[in-house]
Amino acid sequence: MAALYSAADILLFPSRYEGFGLVILEALACGTPVVTSTAVAQFDVGVQHVDEYDATAYAQSAENVLNEPIVMEELRTVAIKHDWKDVTSKYLRLYHRMT
C-alpha cells in the first residue's frame, strides 16, 4: 500500500463515516495529501475537508491541493504525531471518562 500511496498525487476519501481515519494517516505518512469529508477526524495539515454530499466541492478541493502542494515532510509529521501509542491513550481516556 505504501507504494500506491506514494505514487498518488492526492487521496480522495469520500467517507460518510470514519471512526479514526487510518487510511488518511497512511496516505499522510507517505507524503500524499488528502481530500475527504467533514465526517472524518480533523487533522492539522494536509487534509482538506468538504461536504460529503458535494461532488463539486471534492473537485475544487482536489484542484486546490494539486495546484498548491504541501511539503511532504509536513504531511509525514502529522502522521507521526498520531502514532498508535498516542491514539491508544486517547481512546483509554475516553473510555475512562465514559465508565
Protein backbone atom coordinates (compact mmCIF):
# COMPACT_ATOMS: atom_id res chain seq x y z
CA MET A 1 0.00 0.00 0.00
CA ALA A 2 2.84 2.42 0.74
CA ALA A 3 3.98 2.27 -2.90
CA LEU A 4 0.46 3.13 -4.09
CA TYR A 5 0.04 6.00 -1.63
CA SER A 6 3.47 7.35 -2.54
CA ALA A 7 2.73 7.19 -6.26
CA ALA A 8 -0.54 9.12 -5.89
CA ASP A 9 -0.71 12.90 -6.18
CA ILE A 10 -3.73 13.02 -3.87
CA LEU A 11 -6.08 10.70 -1.97
CA LEU A 12 -9.79 11.38 -2.41
CA PHE A 13 -11.55 9.74 0.51
CA PRO A 14 -15.31 10.44 0.33
CA SER A 15 -16.25 8.57 3.50
CA ARG A 16 -19.55 9.41 5.19
CA TYR A 17 -18.35 7.90 8.45
CA GLU A 18 -14.88 7.09 9.65
CA GLY A 19 -14.13 6.27 13.25
CA PHE A 20 -10.43 7.07 13.18
CA GLY A 21 -9.16 7.65 9.65
CA LEU A 22 -6.29 5.16 9.40
CA VAL A 23 -6.37 5.37 5.60
CA ILE A 24 -5.77 9.11 5.89
CA LEU A 25 -2.81 8.65 8.22
CA GLU A 26 -1.33 6.03 5.89
CA ALA A 27 -1.55 8.47 2.97
CA LEU A 28 -0.07 11.32 5.02
CA ALA A 29 2.77 9.07 6.19
CA CYS A 30 3.63 8.54 2.51
CA GLY A 31 3.52 12.27 1.81
CA THR A 32 0.19 12.19 -0.04
CA PRO A 33 -2.32 14.98 0.68
CA VAL A 34 -5.97 14.07 1.30
CA VAL A 35 -9.37 15.46 0.37
CA THR A 36 -12.10 13.90 2.50
CA SER A 37 -15.48 14.58 4.03
CA THR A 38 -16.28 16.55 7.15
CA ALA A 39 -17.31 13.23 8.73
CA VAL A 40 -13.64 12.32 9.11
CA ALA A 41 -11.48 13.38 12.06
CA GLN A 42 -9.80 16.75 11.69
CA PHE A 43 -6.05 16.79 11.10
CA ASP A 44 -3.55 19.66 11.43
CA VAL A 45 -2.29 19.87 7.85
CA GLY A 46 -2.53 18.02 4.57
CA VAL A 47 -6.23 17.24 4.77
CA GLN A 48 -8.99 19.28 3.15
CA HIS A 49 -12.50 18.59 4.45
CA VAL A 50 -15.57 19.04 2.26
CA ASP A 51 -19.28 18.31 2.49
CA GLU A 52 -19.58 14.59 1.82
CA TYR A 53 -22.58 15.14 -0.47
CA ASP A 54 -20.96 17.83 -2.66
CA ALA A 55 -19.08 16.36 -5.63
CA THR A 56 -18.19 19.84 -6.87
CA ALA A 57 -16.51 20.65 -3.56
CA TYR A 58 -14.40 17.48 -3.87
CA ALA A 59 -13.29 18.51 -7.37
CA GLN A 60 -12.49 22.08 -6.31
CA SER A 61 -10.56 20.96 -3.24
CA ALA A 62 -8.61 18.40 -5.25
CA GLU A 63 -7.69 21.07 -7.77
CA ASN A 64 -6.59 23.42 -4.97
CA VAL A 65 -4.40 20.76 -3.38
CA LEU A 66 -2.81 19.84 -6.71
CA ASN A 67 -2.11 23.50 -7.54
CA GLU A 68 -0.68 24.31 -4.09
CA PRO A 69 1.17 21.20 -2.95
CA ILE A 70 2.15 20.80 0.68
CA VAL A 71 5.68 19.82 1.64
CA MET A 72 5.79 16.05 2.08
CA GLU A 73 7.66 16.31 5.37
CA GLU A 74 4.80 18.33 6.87
CA LEU A 75 2.39 15.54 5.95
CA ARG A 76 4.63 12.88 7.46
CA THR A 77 4.95 14.91 10.66
CA VAL A 78 1.16 14.92 11.05
CA ALA A 79 1.06 11.15 10.64
CA ILE A 80 3.85 10.62 13.16
CA LYS A 81 2.01 12.77 15.73
CA HIS A 82 -0.88 10.28 15.56
CA ASP A 83 1.03 7.09 16.30
CA TRP A 84 -0.66 4.07 17.90
CA LYS A 85 0.61 4.94 21.37
CA ASP A 86 -1.00 8.40 21.16
CA VAL A 87 -4.24 7.05 19.69
CA THR A 88 -4.46 4.28 22.28
CA SER A 89 -4.03 6.71 25.17
CA LYS A 90 -6.77 8.96 23.74
CA TYR A 91 -9.17 6.02 23.47
CA LEU A 92 -8.33 4.90 27.02
CA ARG A 93 -9.00 8.40 28.38
CA LEU A 94 -12.32 8.48 26.55
CA TYR A 95 -13.22 5.03 27.87
CA HIS A 96 -12.41 6.03 31.46
CA ARG A 97 -14.50 9.19 31.18
CA MET A 98 -17.45 7.13 29.97
CA THR A 99 -17.27 4.49 32.71
